Structure formats: structure tokens, C-alpha cells
Amino acid sequence: MKVAVLGATGLVGWTMLKLLEDRAWVSGDPVLLSSARGAGSKLEFAGRQLECKEVEAEDFQDVDIALFSAGGNPSRTWGPVAAEAGVWVVDNSSAWRMEEGVPLVVPEINGRLVKTTGKGNGGIIANPNCSTIQVAMAVAPLDELFGVREVHVTTLQAVSGAGQKAVAELERQEKNPAAEGIDIFPRPIFRNAIPAIGAALPDGSFEEEDKVIRELKKILDRRDDLAVTCTATRVPVVTGHSAAMRLVCKEPVDLVRATDALNKWPGVEVDSDPHGFLTPREIAGRTTVHVGRLRAETNNPRALMLWVVADNLLKGAALNAVQIADLLAGKS
């Protein structure tokens, strides 16, 4: 199948391209698309140098699947254009996630929403927020087992989630902490933690927290009975999001059964030692979501505490999108 990548020059787009190298269903070289600023950039694919071009409507005429990671405005503009041309768009931005009729997909949880496709019947499928994906991967098996009723999460998110410029800002501050200039984050990120990601909302929350709350409910197909709270923080880590979570369930929890359910869930690893865990540094480059510090809450037999880490550029973004493309290609 012919593939295009819009936003190929970004961190997530580049990671998508690397993952596509191993997909036998990809026919020929991917079409690399970008804004005018990125046009002319060259990226390696399977040992060859491919050149990015500025996106135009005709670029989608011979494409079956397009992976988008160029931001909300380009996705709003080009998603319908590509879909109208018969292309299936897997969009990594927030533009379409809560749109009625647009599937929001984590393949291990609700991959049934993705139909094997061919050229001529395109549409848009949304890739969830990076933090939402790893939270959902931990919640889903426990929800099936115990009936999760409340999810309370504090995220500790890597700077790469904000793009290459954010990584450069951290590196700049590491080299010279006294240097002026804050472009990406509201305050210096070096040796700091910032509980503010995205735009400020009227209720006192920030946009990232709202994304986790609304998207998790949509992925689990439970909009009314699932209570979700989130505090999202940015920390001076390059790659790897972490989440400290508390779940309150309908049924009393059993740690042996909980561990077994998580271990059996595709894409999840769990440490059976309640003191065991992985860190962002250890999860970087890995395709799985890792659950650690799994323990029952004292004096509440229905509550579980856990620590969840994942590579935000892989399962949190590029890998999840490519897994959706695998389903579209009939190669799950």
C-alpha cells in the first residue's frame, strides 16, 4: 500500500518513517510532505535519501494511507482533502479526536473500530494524546476485571512531547541555566517541574488535562459513569512520559489477578513486585507500556495505585499511529 507522511520532518513524523521501514505492506517509498518551511528537507528511509515536498491536494491521489503529525491546523485543512481522495488518514493531532463519528483508537483496546480497507473509501481516524494512550493501556485490562469507576492521574511528561524546539530549549538551559529566552514553556524547564501544559481553561485546568479526561472516556466508551481527574506536569526529561495513578473500582481488587490481567494484555508489561518500576530513561526506545508500583490502597479494598511509563514518541504517538495503519492494511 502507498503511504504518505505529513509532518515528516518533526520528531513524531521522523519516528513514523523509521517504523514504516519494517512494514512489508508498505509499497515503494513513502511520500514525505511538510509545510513550505520543511520542503526540500531530506530524510533517510531504508538507506535512501527522500526529499520532503510542500503538501498539495494532488499528493494524495495515489496514496492509500496517510499518517499526519503536523499539528491541528494542517490536519483540519488536509484531512478532509485526503479523505475525499479515498485516503485513510491516521491523524496524530488533537483536531479530530473528539469529533463525532471519528474513531479514537488504541489498537489493543478498541482496534475493532478500524476496518481493513483499500483505495477508494477513505476517512479519518484519530490517534489519542500521548499521555492518554499509556493511561488507557493500564486502565483497560483492570476495567475489564474489576470495573474501574474512578481514574485519578498525575502525569510527568517529557519535553519531546512538545517537539524538537522544546528539546532544544531544555538543552540550551542545561548548558547555560542563566541564559534568557523561554520560547516553548511558560517557565524554565531545566531542574524544574511545570504543572501547566497547553492553554489555560476557565475551570482552572489546562488543555492537556482536559484531553486526558475526555479522550479516556471516549476510548473506553464510557462517557457517564467514569470519573477522571488529571494534573499534567512537564518535567526535564527528554523522552518517556510517566503517570502516577489511582484507580477506584466497582469490585474489590486482588493484586494477583490484577497483575495477571495486565501481563496478558497486549503491549503491557507489569512488575509483580509492588516496589518494582521502570523510569523514563529505561523505557525510552521500548514499544511497551510498563506498569510498576502496583499495590492496593490501605483501608480501601477497591482502590489500586500504580506507576505507568511509556516512550511518548513510540507507543504514545508514532507507534500507535502505525499500528492503526497495520489494521487498515489488514496486517494486525
C-alpha atoms as a PDB file:
ATOM      1  CA  MET A   1       0.000   0.000   0.000  1.00  0.00           C
ATOM      2  CA  LYS A   2       1.186   3.505  -0.790  1.00  0.00           C
ATOM      3  CA  VAL A   3       1.842   5.689   2.268  1.00  0.00           C
ATOM      4  CA  ALA A   4       2.288   9.416   2.814  1.00  0.00           C
ATOM      5  CA  VAL A   5       3.612  11.120   5.948  1.00  0.00           C
ATOM      6  CA  LEU A   6       2.552  14.723   6.573  1.00  0.00           C
ATOM      7  CA  GLY A   7       4.844  16.395   9.093  1.00  0.00           C
ATOM      8  CA  ALA A   8       7.693  14.035   8.267  1.00  0.00           C
ATOM      9  CA  THR A   9      10.378  16.438   9.483  1.00  0.00           C
ATOM     10  CA  GLY A  10       9.080  16.536  13.080  1.00  0.00           C
ATOM     11  CA  LEU A  11      10.055  14.177  15.900  1.00  0.00           C
ATOM     12  CA  VAL A  12       6.916  12.055  15.610  1.00  0.00           C
ATOM     13  CA  GLY A  13       6.891  12.134  11.805  1.00  0.00           C
ATOM     14  CA  TRP A  14      10.500  11.018  11.663  1.00  0.00           C
ATOM     15  CA  THR A  15       9.710   8.193  14.118  1.00  0.00           C
ATOM     16  CA  MET A  16       6.754   7.122  11.976  1.00  0.00           C
ATOM     17  CA  LEU A  17       9.055   6.930   8.985  1.00  0.00           C
ATOM     18  CA  LYS A  18      11.504   4.693  10.842  1.00  0.00           C
ATOM     19  CA  LEU A  19       8.706   2.338  11.895  1.00  0.00           C
ATOM     20  CA  LEU A  20       7.414   2.112   8.323  1.00  0.00           C
ATOM     21  CA  GLU A  21      10.760   0.702   7.194  1.00  0.00           C
ATOM     22  CA  ASP A  22       9.839  -2.610   8.834  1.00  0.00           C
ATOM     23  CA  ARG A  23       6.314  -2.831   7.369  1.00  0.00           C
ATOM     24  CA  ALA A  24       6.151  -5.290   4.470  1.00  0.00           C
ATOM     25  CA  TRP A  25       2.777  -3.879   3.411  1.00  0.00           C
ATOM     26  CA  VAL A  26       4.360  -0.512   2.519  1.00  0.00           C
ATOM     27  CA  SER A  27       4.864  -0.420  -1.249  1.00  0.00           C
ATOM     28  CA  GLY A  28       7.600   1.821  -2.576  1.00  0.00           C
ATOM     29  CA  ASP A  29       8.967   4.913  -0.881  1.00  0.00           C
ATOM     30  CA  PRO A  30       6.606   6.912   1.338  1.00  0.00           C
ATOM     31  CA  VAL A  31       5.570  10.342   0.096  1.00  0.00           C
ATOM     32  CA  LEU A  32       7.082  12.862   2.514  1.00  0.00           C
ATOM     33  CA  LEU A  33       5.011  16.010   2.970  1.00  0.00           C
ATOM     34  CA  SER A  34       5.542  19.131   5.036  1.00  0.00           C
ATOM     35  CA  SER A  35       4.868  22.835   5.220  1.00  0.00           C
ATOM     36  CA  ALA A  36       6.678  25.211   2.897  1.00  0.00           C
ATOM     37  CA  ARG A  37       9.332  25.647   5.596  1.00  0.00           C
ATOM     38  CA  GLY A  38      10.204  21.945   5.620  1.00  0.00           C
ATOM     39  CA  ALA A  39      10.072  21.465   1.849  1.00  0.00           C
ATOM     40  CA  GLY A  40      13.396  20.342   0.444  1.00  0.00           C
ATOM     41  CA  SER A  41      14.493  18.617   3.657  1.00  0.00           C
ATOM     42  CA  LYS A  42      15.912  15.156   3.124  1.00  0.00           C
ATOM     43  CA  LEU A  43      15.222  12.169   5.369  1.00  0.00           C
ATOM     44  CA  GLU A  44      16.556   8.634   5.254  1.00  0.00           C
ATOM     45  CA  PHE A  45      14.248   5.721   4.528  1.00  0.00           C
ATOM     46  CA  ALA A  46      15.626   2.178   4.183  1.00  0.00           C
ATOM     47  CA  GLY A  47      19.059   3.525   3.358  1.00  0.00           C
ATOM     48  CA  ARG A  48      17.827   6.004   0.760  1.00  0.00           C
ATOM     49  CA  GLN A  49      17.501   9.781   0.975  1.00  0.00           C
ATOM     50  CA  LEU A  50      13.952  11.013   0.351  1.00  0.00           C
ATOM     51  CA  GLU A  51      13.040  14.651  -0.149  1.00  0.00           C
ATOM     52  CA  CYS A  52      10.093  16.350   1.539  1.00  0.00           C
ATOM     53  CA  LYS A  53       7.773  18.451  -0.561  1.00  0.00           C
ATOM     54  CA  GLU A  54       5.214  21.074   0.335  1.00  0.00           C
ATOM     55  CA  VAL A  55       1.822  19.422   0.651  1.00  0.00           C
ATOM     56  CA  GLU A  56      -0.673  19.888  -2.173  1.00  0.00           C
ATOM     57  CA  ALA A  57      -4.010  18.236  -2.899  1.00  0.00           C
ATOM     58  CA  GLU A  58      -2.670  16.142  -5.776  1.00  0.00           C
ATOM     59  CA  ASP A  59      -0.134  14.481  -3.465  1.00  0.00           C
ATOM     60  CA  PHE A  60      -2.912  12.247  -2.118  1.00  0.00           C
ATOM     61  CA  GLN A  61      -4.181  10.916  -5.454  1.00  0.00           C
ATOM     62  CA  ASP A  62      -2.125   7.710  -5.439  1.00  0.00           C
ATOM     63  CA  VAL A  63      -1.966   7.220  -1.651  1.00  0.00           C
ATOM     64  CA  ASP A  64      -3.811   4.582   0.392  1.00  0.00           C
ATOM     65  CA  ILE A  65      -2.855   5.583   3.944  1.00  0.00           C
ATOM     66  CA  ALA A  66      -1.576   8.955   5.183  1.00  0.00           C
ATOM     67  CA  LEU A  67      -0.023   9.451   8.605  1.00  0.00           C
ATOM     68  CA  PHE A  68      -0.434  13.037   9.816  1.00  0.00           C
ATOM     69  CA  SER A  69       1.696  14.637  12.537  1.00  0.00           C
ATOM     70  CA  ALA A  70       1.798  18.281  11.516  1.00  0.00           C
ATOM     71  CA  GLY A  71      -0.470  19.940  14.094  1.00  0.00           C
ATOM     72  CA  GLY A  72      -4.137  20.788  14.330  1.00  0.00           C
ATOM     73  CA  ASN A  73      -4.475  23.422  11.624  1.00  0.00           C
ATOM     74  CA  PRO A  74      -2.817  21.368   8.848  1.00  0.00           C
ATOM     75  CA  SER A  75      -4.866  18.350   9.910  1.00  0.00           C
ATOM     76  CA  ARG A  76      -8.098  20.322   9.696  1.00  0.00           C
ATOM     77  CA  THR A  77      -7.093  21.595   6.273  1.00  0.00           C
ATOM     78  CA  TRP A  78      -5.685  18.467   4.652  1.00  0.00           C
ATOM     79  CA  GLY A  79      -7.515  15.655   6.441  1.00  0.00           C
ATOM     80  CA  PRO A  80     -10.796  16.143   4.545  1.00  0.00           C
ATOM     81  CA  VAL A  81      -8.891  16.685   1.294  1.00  0.00           C
ATOM     82  CA  ALA A  82      -7.078  13.368   1.670  1.00  0.00           C
ATOM     83  CA  ALA A  83     -10.205  11.517   2.810  1.00  0.00           C
ATOM     84  CA  GLU A  84     -12.137  12.866  -0.171  1.00  0.00           C
ATOM     85  CA  ALA A  85      -9.388  11.428  -2.390  1.00  0.00           C
ATOM     86  CA  GLY A  86     -10.057   7.976  -0.912  1.00  0.00           C
ATOM     87  CA  VAL A  87      -7.167   8.034   1.560  1.00  0.00           C
ATOM     88  CA  TRP A  88      -7.363   6.760   5.121  1.00  0.00           C
ATOM     89  CA  VAL A  89      -5.840   9.426   7.368  1.00  0.00           C
ATOM     90  CA  VAL A  90      -4.381   8.500  10.750  1.00  0.00           C
ATOM     91  CA  ASP A  91      -4.095  11.863  12.475  1.00  0.00           C
ATOM     92  CA  ASN A  92      -1.831  12.459  15.470  1.00  0.00           C
ATOM     93  CA  SER A  93      -3.108  15.962  16.271  1.00  0.00           C
ATOM     94  CA  SER A  94      -5.990  16.881  18.571  1.00  0.00           C
ATOM     95  CA  ALA A  95      -8.038  18.203  15.645  1.00  0.00           C
ATOM     96  CA  TRP A  96     -10.353  15.223  15.168  1.00  0.00           C
ATOM     97  CA  ARG A  97     -10.153  13.271  18.426  1.00  0.00           C
ATOM     98  CA  MET A  98     -13.482  14.327  19.869  1.00  0.00           C
ATOM     99  CA  GLU A  99     -15.257  14.721  16.529  1.00  0.00           C
ATOM    100  CA  GLU A 100     -18.485  12.742  16.368  1.00  0.00           C
ATOM    101  CA  GLY A 101     -18.061   9.767  14.062  1.00  0.00           C
ATOM    102  CA  VAL A 102     -14.258   9.851  14.076  1.00  0.00           C
ATOM    103  CA  PRO A 103     -12.802   6.781  15.841  1.00  0.00           C
ATOM    104  CA  LEU A 104     -10.251   7.493  18.581  1.00  0.00           C
ATOM    105  CA  VAL A 105      -8.179   4.350  18.564  1.00  0.00           C
ATOM    106  CA  VAL A 106      -5.717   2.460  20.724  1.00  0.00           C
ATOM    107  CA  PRO A 107      -5.495  -0.801  18.748  1.00  0.00           C
ATOM    108  CA  GLU A 108      -5.119  -3.077  21.790  1.00  0.00           C
ATOM    109  CA  ILE A 109      -8.289  -1.601  23.297  1.00  0.00           C
ATOM    110  CA  ASN A 110     -10.692  -0.665  20.504  1.00  0.00           C
ATOM    111  CA  GLY A 111      -8.990  -1.746  17.298  1.00  0.00           C
ATOM    112  CA  ARG A 112     -12.338  -3.216  16.258  1.00  0.00           C
ATOM    113  CA  LEU A 113     -13.272   0.308  15.151  1.00  0.00           C
ATOM    114  CA  VAL A 114     -10.702   0.105  12.341  1.00  0.00           C
ATOM    115  CA  LYS A 115     -11.801  -1.768   9.246  1.00  0.00           C
ATOM    116  CA  THR A 116      -9.421  -3.362   6.768  1.00  0.00           C
ATOM    117  CA  THR A 117      -9.529  -1.047   3.809  1.00  0.00           C
ATOM    118  CA  GLY A 118      -8.446  -0.473   0.249  1.00  0.00           C
ATOM    119  CA  LYS A 119      -8.199   2.512  -2.010  1.00  0.00           C
ATOM    120  CA  GLY A 120     -11.393   4.464  -2.589  1.00  0.00           C
ATOM    121  CA  ASN A 121     -13.220   4.559   0.749  1.00  0.00           C
ATOM    122  CA  GLY A 122     -11.111   6.874   2.859  1.00  0.00           C
ATOM    123  CA  GLY A 123     -11.766   8.610   6.144  1.00  0.00           C
ATOM    124  CA  ILE A 124     -10.102   9.949   9.261  1.00  0.00           C
ATOM    125  CA  ILE A 125      -9.003   8.003  12.357  1.00  0.00           C
ATOM    126  CA  ALA A 126      -7.663   9.908  15.342  1.00  0.00           C
ATOM    127  CA  ASN A 127      -4.567   8.968  17.318  1.00  0.00           C
ATOM    128  CA  PRO A 128      -5.055   9.807  21.021  1.00  0.00           C
ATOM    129  CA  ASN A 129      -2.945  12.129  23.137  1.00  0.00           C
ATOM    130  CA  CYS A 130       0.392  10.639  24.194  1.00  0.00           C
ATOM    131  CA  SER A 131      -0.452  10.561  27.903  1.00  0.00           C
ATOM    132  CA  THR A 132      -3.960   9.270  27.303  1.00  0.00           C
ATOM    133  CA  ILE A 133      -2.656   6.232  25.426  1.00  0.00           C
ATOM    134  CA  GLN A 134      -0.493   4.902  28.248  1.00  0.00           C
ATOM    135  CA  VAL A 135      -3.146   5.650  30.863  1.00  0.00           C
ATOM    136  CA  ALA A 136      -5.772   3.832  28.793  1.00  0.00           C
ATOM    137  CA  MET A 137      -3.466   0.841  28.273  1.00  0.00           C
ATOM    138  CA  ALA A 138      -3.154   0.430  32.044  1.00  0.00           C
ATOM    139  CA  VAL A 139      -6.819   1.067  32.815  1.00  0.00           C
ATOM    140  CA  ALA A 140      -8.437  -1.151  30.153  1.00  0.00           C
ATOM    141  CA  PRO A 141      -7.457  -4.601  31.493  1.00  0.00           C
ATOM    142  CA  LEU A 142      -8.245  -3.577  35.066  1.00  0.00           C
ATOM    143  CA  ASP A 143     -11.577  -2.163  33.965  1.00  0.00           C
ATOM    144  CA  GLU A 144     -12.489  -5.483  32.361  1.00  0.00           C
ATOM    145  CA  LEU A 145     -11.574  -7.306  35.563  1.00  0.00           C
ATOM    146  CA  PHE A 146     -12.805  -5.060  38.372  1.00  0.00           C
ATOM    147  CA  GLY A 147     -14.939  -2.366  36.736  1.00  0.00           C
ATOM    148  CA  VAL A 148     -12.991   0.883  37.116  1.00  0.00           C
ATOM    149  CA  ARG A 149     -15.170   3.750  38.319  1.00  0.00           C
ATOM    150  CA  GLU A 150     -12.595   6.467  39.048  1.00  0.00           C
ATOM    151  CA  VAL A 151      -9.238   7.333  37.469  1.00  0.00           C
ATOM    152  CA  HIS A 152      -7.034   9.916  39.170  1.00  0.00           C
ATOM    153  CA  VAL A 153      -3.765  10.614  37.374  1.00  0.00           C
ATOM    154  CA  THR A 154      -0.777  12.921  37.668  1.00  0.00           C
ATOM    155  CA  THR A 155       1.427  12.910  34.587  1.00  0.00           C
ATOM    156  CA  LEU A 156       5.136  13.719  34.398  1.00  0.00           C
ATOM    157  CA  GLN A 157       5.656  14.429  30.717  1.00  0.00           C
ATOM    158  CA  ALA A 158       8.879  14.581  28.726  1.00  0.00           C
ATOM    159  CA  VAL A 159       9.790  17.693  26.781  1.00  0.00           C
ATOM    160  CA  SER A 160       9.881  15.790  23.476  1.00  0.00           C
ATOM    161  CA  GLY A 161       6.097  15.712  23.695  1.00  0.00           C
ATOM    162  CA  ALA A 162       6.239  19.406  22.791  1.00  0.00           C
ATOM    163  CA  GLY A 163       8.503  18.834  19.779  1.00  0.00           C
ATOM    164  CA  GLN A 164      12.099  19.336  18.722  1.00  0.00           C
ATOM    165  CA  LYS A 165      12.131  23.018  19.710  1.00  0.00           C
ATOM    166  CA  ALA A 166      11.191  22.022  23.255  1.00  0.00           C
ATOM    167  CA  VAL A 167      14.070  19.540  23.413  1.00  0.00           C
ATOM    168  CA  ALA A 168      16.412  22.273  22.173  1.00  0.00           C
ATOM    169  CA  GLU A 169      15.118  24.650  24.832  1.00  0.00           C
ATOM    170  CA  LEU A 170      15.925  22.168  27.598  1.00  0.00           C
ATOM    171  CA  GLU A 171      19.381  21.532  26.129  1.00  0.00           C
ATOM    172  CA  ARG A 172      20.016  25.269  25.907  1.00  0.00           C
ATOM    173  CA  GLN A 173      19.077  25.772  29.549  1.00  0.00           C
ATOM    174  CA  GLU A 174      21.203  22.799  30.623  1.00  0.00           C
ATOM    175  CA  LYS A 175      24.253  24.381  29.012  1.00  0.00           C
ATOM    176  CA  ASN A 176      23.566  27.833  30.425  1.00  0.00           C
ATOM    177  CA  PRO A 177      20.920  27.973  33.189  1.00  0.00           C
ATOM    178  CA  ALA A 178      21.225  31.771  33.354  1.00  0.00           C
ATOM    179  CA  ALA A 179      20.519  32.254  29.644  1.00  0.00           C
ATOM    180  CA  GLU A 180      17.484  34.331  28.796  1.00  0.00           C
ATOM    181  CA  GLY A 181      14.799  33.186  26.418  1.00  0.00           C
ATOM    182  CA  ILE A 182      11.777  30.987  27.114  1.00  0.00           C
ATOM    183  CA  ASP A 183      10.080  30.082  23.851  1.00  0.00           C
ATOM    184  CA  ILE A 184       8.173  26.847  24.425  1.00  0.00           C
ATOM    185  CA  PHE A 185       7.474  26.546  28.146  1.00  0.00           C
ATOM    186  CA  PRO A 186       5.922  29.177  30.441  1.00  0.00           C
ATOM    187  CA  ARG A 187       8.883  28.974  32.840  1.00  0.00           C
ATOM    188  CA  PRO A 188      12.396  27.480  32.717  1.00  0.00           C
ATOM    189  CA  ILE A 189      12.158  23.686  32.423  1.00  0.00           C
ATOM    190  CA  PHE A 190      15.732  22.856  33.482  1.00  0.00           C
ATOM    191  CA  ARG A 191      15.739  21.464  37.046  1.00  0.00           C
ATOM    192  CA  ASN A 192      12.056  22.264  37.281  1.00  0.00           C
ATOM    193  CA  ALA A 193       8.552  20.836  37.057  1.00  0.00           C
ATOM    194  CA  ILE A 194       5.774  22.841  35.437  1.00  0.00           C
ATOM    195  CA  PRO A 195       2.127  21.897  36.159  1.00  0.00           C
ATOM    196  CA  ALA A 196       0.818  23.662  33.067  1.00  0.00           C
ATOM    197  CA  ILE A 197       0.588  22.049  29.606  1.00  0.00           C
ATOM    198  CA  GLY A 198      -1.485  23.701  26.923  1.00  0.00           C
ATOM    199  CA  ALA A 199      -3.879  26.598  27.146  1.00  0.00           C
ATOM    200  CA  ALA A 200      -5.448  27.644  30.448  1.00  0.00           C
ATOM    201  CA  LEU A 201      -9.145  26.735  30.682  1.00  0.00           C
ATOM    202  CA  PRO A 202     -11.889  28.577  32.613  1.00  0.00           C
ATOM    203  CA  ASP A 203     -12.324  25.811  35.204  1.00  0.00           C
ATOM    204  CA  GLY A 204      -8.716  26.112  36.438  1.00  0.00           C
ATOM    205  CA  SER A 205      -7.393  23.212  34.397  1.00  0.00           C
ATOM    206  CA  PHE A 206      -5.075  23.221  31.398  1.00  0.00           C
ATOM    207  CA  GLU A 207      -5.748  21.841  27.932  1.00  0.00           C
ATOM    208  CA  GLU A 208      -3.621  18.698  28.360  1.00  0.00           C
ATOM    209  CA  GLU A 209      -5.603  17.670  31.429  1.00  0.00           C
ATOM    210  CA  ASP A 210      -8.876  18.120  29.578  1.00  0.00           C
ATOM    211  CA  LYS A 211      -7.551  15.968  26.728  1.00  0.00           C
ATOM    212  CA  VAL A 212      -6.752  13.076  29.060  1.00  0.00           C
ATOM    213  CA  ILE A 213     -10.157  13.260  30.743  1.00  0.00           C
ATOM    214  CA  ARG A 214     -12.287  13.443  27.609  1.00  0.00           C
ATOM    215  CA  GLU A 215     -10.219  11.090  25.460  1.00  0.00           C
ATOM    216  CA  LEU A 216     -10.005   8.348  28.077  1.00  0.00           C
ATOM    217  CA  LYS A 217     -13.773   8.288  28.374  1.00  0.00           C
ATOM    218  CA  LYS A 218     -14.179   8.061  24.601  1.00  0.00           C
ATOM    219  CA  ILE A 219     -11.609   5.274  24.211  1.00  0.00           C
ATOM    220  CA  LEU A 220     -13.267   3.207  26.932  1.00  0.00           C
ATOM    221  CA  ASP A 221     -16.707   4.036  25.504  1.00  0.00           C
ATOM    222  CA  ARG A 222     -17.927   5.169  28.906  1.00  0.00           C
ATOM    223  CA  ARG A 223     -18.834   8.850  28.949  1.00  0.00           C
ATOM    224  CA  ASP A 224     -21.080   8.980  32.014  1.00  0.00           C
ATOM    225  CA  ASP A 225     -20.059   6.570  34.750  1.00  0.00           C
ATOM    226  CA  LEU A 226     -16.256   7.020  34.634  1.00  0.00           C
ATOM    227  CA  ALA A 227     -14.900   9.822  36.820  1.00  0.00           C
ATOM    228  CA  VAL A 228     -11.482  11.077  35.669  1.00  0.00           C
ATOM    229  CA  THR A 229      -9.195  13.731  37.143  1.00  0.00           C
ATOM    230  CA  CYS A 230      -5.790  14.764  35.848  1.00  0.00           C
ATOM    231  CA  THR A 231      -2.919  17.060  36.770  1.00  0.00           C
ATOM    232  CA  ALA A 232      -0.450  17.248  33.886  1.00  0.00           C
ATOM    233  CA  THR A 233       3.126  18.342  34.526  1.00  0.00           C
ATOM    234  CA  ARG A 234       6.136  18.885  32.281  1.00  0.00           C
ATOM    235  CA  VAL A 235       9.463  17.649  33.661  1.00  0.00           C
ATOM    236  CA  PRO A 236      13.070  17.969  32.388  1.00  0.00           C
ATOM    237  CA  VAL A 237      13.160  14.531  30.771  1.00  0.00           C
ATOM    238  CA  VAL A 238      13.806  14.214  27.031  1.00  0.00           C
ATOM    239  CA  THR A 239      11.869  11.012  26.272  1.00  0.00           C
ATOM    240  CA  GLY A 240       9.405   8.952  28.277  1.00  0.00           C
ATOM    241  CA  HIS A 241       6.151  10.010  29.937  1.00  0.00           C
ATOM    242  CA  SER A 242       5.300   8.828  33.443  1.00  0.00           C
ATOM    243  CA  ALA A 243       1.971   8.733  35.262  1.00  0.00           C
ATOM    244  CA  ALA A 244       1.173   8.187  38.932  1.00  0.00           C
ATOM    245  CA  MET A 245      -2.330   6.728  39.019  1.00  0.00           C
ATOM    246  CA  ARG A 246      -5.051   5.834  41.478  1.00  0.00           C
ATOM    247  CA  LEU A 247      -7.988   3.711  40.366  1.00  0.00           C
ATOM    248  CA  VAL A 248     -11.182   3.105  42.317  1.00  0.00           C
ATOM    249  CA  CYS A 249     -13.076   0.019  41.172  1.00  0.00           C
ATOM    250  CA  LYS A 250     -16.577  -1.350  41.497  1.00  0.00           C
ATOM    251  CA  GLU A 251     -15.304  -4.699  42.763  1.00  0.00           C
ATOM    252  CA  PRO A 252     -12.685  -5.376  45.463  1.00  0.00           C
ATOM    253  CA  VAL A 253      -9.249  -5.685  43.882  1.00  0.00           C
ATOM    254  CA  ASP A 254      -6.902  -8.641  44.022  1.00  0.00           C
ATOM    255  CA  LEU A 255      -3.241  -7.963  43.223  1.00  0.00           C
ATOM    256  CA  VAL A 256      -2.522 -11.428  41.828  1.00  0.00           C
ATOM    257  CA  ARG A 257      -5.437 -11.216  39.421  1.00  0.00           C
ATOM    258  CA  ALA A 258      -4.611  -7.600  38.539  1.00  0.00           C
ATOM    259  CA  THR A 259      -1.009  -8.500  37.731  1.00  0.00           C
ATOM    260  CA  ASP A 260      -2.103 -11.452  35.625  1.00  0.00           C
ATOM    261  CA  ALA A 261      -4.617  -9.362  33.666  1.00  0.00           C
ATOM    262  CA  LEU A 262      -2.034  -6.668  32.915  1.00  0.00           C
ATOM    263  CA  ASN A 263       0.570  -9.245  31.873  1.00  0.00           C
ATOM    264  CA  LYS A 264      -1.862 -10.856  29.445  1.00  0.00           C
ATOM    265  CA  TRP A 265      -2.848  -7.551  27.842  1.00  0.00           C
ATOM    266  CA  PRO A 266      -1.065  -6.984  24.507  1.00  0.00           C
ATOM    267  CA  GLY A 267       1.552  -4.255  24.731  1.00  0.00           C
ATOM    268  CA  VAL A 268       1.642  -4.096  28.540  1.00  0.00           C
ATOM    269  CA  GLU A 269       4.341  -5.285  30.932  1.00  0.00           C
ATOM    270  CA  VAL A 270       3.940  -5.278  34.693  1.00  0.00           C
ATOM    271  CA  ASP A 271       6.330  -5.681  37.593  1.00  0.00           C
ATOM    272  CA  SER A 272       4.916  -8.145  40.095  1.00  0.00           C
ATOM    273  CA  ASP A 273       6.977  -6.583  42.886  1.00  0.00           C
ATOM    274  CA  PRO A 274       4.989  -3.675  44.400  1.00  0.00           C
ATOM    275  CA  HIS A 275       8.298  -1.844  44.833  1.00  0.00           C
ATOM    276  CA  GLY A 276       9.376  -2.515  41.235  1.00  0.00           C
ATOM    277  CA  PHE A 277       9.211   0.096  38.483  1.00  0.00           C
ATOM    278  CA  LEU A 278      10.862   1.469  35.363  1.00  0.00           C
ATOM    279  CA  THR A 279      11.887   5.074  34.762  1.00  0.00           C
ATOM    280  CA  PRO A 280      11.572   7.233  31.627  1.00  0.00           C
ATOM    281  CA  ARG A 281      15.243   6.633  30.837  1.00  0.00           C
ATOM    282  CA  GLU A 282      14.685   2.861  30.933  1.00  0.00           C
ATOM    283  CA  ILE A 283      11.504   2.907  28.861  1.00  0.00           C
ATOM    284  CA  ALA A 284      12.930   5.083  26.073  1.00  0.00           C
ATOM    285  CA  GLY A 285      13.109   3.070  22.853  1.00  0.00           C
ATOM    286  CA  ARG A 286      10.758   0.370  24.091  1.00  0.00           C
ATOM    287  CA  THR A 287       7.405  -0.283  22.435  1.00  0.00           C
ATOM    288  CA  THR A 288       5.530  -1.451  25.526  1.00  0.00           C
ATOM    289  CA  VAL A 289       3.710   0.311  28.339  1.00  0.00           C
ATOM    290  CA  HIS A 290       5.208  -0.651  31.694  1.00  0.00           C
ATOM    291  CA  VAL A 291       3.225  -0.794  34.926  1.00  0.00           C
ATOM    292  CA  GLY A 292       5.042  -0.742  38.256  1.00  0.00           C
ATOM    293  CA  ARG A 293       4.404   0.062  41.933  1.00  0.00           C
ATOM    294  CA  LEU A 294       1.149  -1.885  41.637  1.00  0.00           C
ATOM    295  CA  ARG A 295      -0.384  -2.023  45.084  1.00  0.00           C
ATOM    296  CA  ALA A 296      -3.696  -1.885  46.903  1.00  0.00           C
ATOM    297  CA  GLU A 297      -4.596   1.267  48.744  1.00  0.00           C
ATOM    298  CA  THR A 298      -4.534   0.951  52.523  1.00  0.00           C
ATOM    299  CA  ASN A 299      -8.019   0.828  54.036  1.00  0.00           C
ATOM    300  CA  ASN A 300      -9.755   0.796  50.647  1.00  0.00           C
ATOM    301  CA  PRO A 301     -10.190  -2.702  49.166  1.00  0.00           C
ATOM    302  CA  ARG A 302     -11.490  -1.274  45.894  1.00  0.00           C
ATOM    303  CA  ALA A 303      -8.558   1.048  45.133  1.00  0.00           C
ATOM    304  CA  LEU A 304      -5.316   0.398  43.241  1.00  0.00           C
ATOM    305  CA  MET A 305      -2.184   2.536  42.997  1.00  0.00           C
ATOM    306  CA  LEU A 306       0.219   2.224  40.060  1.00  0.00           C
ATOM    307  CA  TRP A 307       3.089   3.875  38.175  1.00  0.00           C
ATOM    308  CA  VAL A 308       2.941   3.801  34.375  1.00  0.00           C
ATOM    309  CA  VAL A 309       5.716   4.706  31.915  1.00  0.00           C
ATOM    310  CA  ALA A 310       5.923   4.651  28.119  1.00  0.00           C
ATOM    311  CA  ASP A 311       8.011   6.126  25.327  1.00  0.00           C
ATOM    312  CA  ASN A 312       5.882   9.084  24.274  1.00  0.00           C
ATOM    313  CA  LEU A 313       7.327   9.128  20.738  1.00  0.00           C
ATOM    314  CA  LEU A 314       6.631   5.416  20.198  1.00  0.00           C
ATOM    315  CA  LYS A 315       3.515   3.959  21.842  1.00  0.00           C
ATOM    316  CA  GLY A 316       2.479   7.470  22.837  1.00  0.00           C
ATOM    317  CA  ALA A 317       2.419   8.692  19.242  1.00  0.00           C
ATOM    318  CA  ALA A 318       4.173   7.204  16.192  1.00  0.00           C
ATOM    319  CA  LEU A 319       3.868   3.511  17.031  1.00  0.00           C
ATOM    320  CA  ASN A 320       0.185   3.739  17.930  1.00  0.00           C
ATOM    321  CA  ALA A 321      -0.467   5.501  14.608  1.00  0.00           C
ATOM    322  CA  VAL A 322       1.471   2.899  12.631  1.00  0.00           C
ATOM    323  CA  GLN A 323      -0.375   0.110  14.469  1.00  0.00           C
ATOM    324  CA  ILE A 324      -3.623   1.691  13.276  1.00  0.00           C
ATOM    325  CA  ALA A 325      -2.182   1.688   9.767  1.00  0.00           C
ATOM    326  CA  ASP A 326      -1.342  -2.000  10.231  1.00  0.00           C
ATOM    327  CA  LEU A 327      -5.025  -2.659  10.918  1.00  0.00           C
ATOM    328  CA  LEU A 328      -6.042  -0.665   7.851  1.00  0.00           C
ATOM    329  CA  ALA A 329      -3.630  -2.733   5.797  1.00  0.00           C
ATOM    330  CA  GLY A 330      -5.047  -5.960   7.240  1.00  0.00           C
ATOM    331  CA  LYS A 331      -1.769  -6.769   8.989  1.00  0.00           C
ATOM    332  CA  SER A 332      -2.670  -6.652  12.682  1.00  0.00           C
END
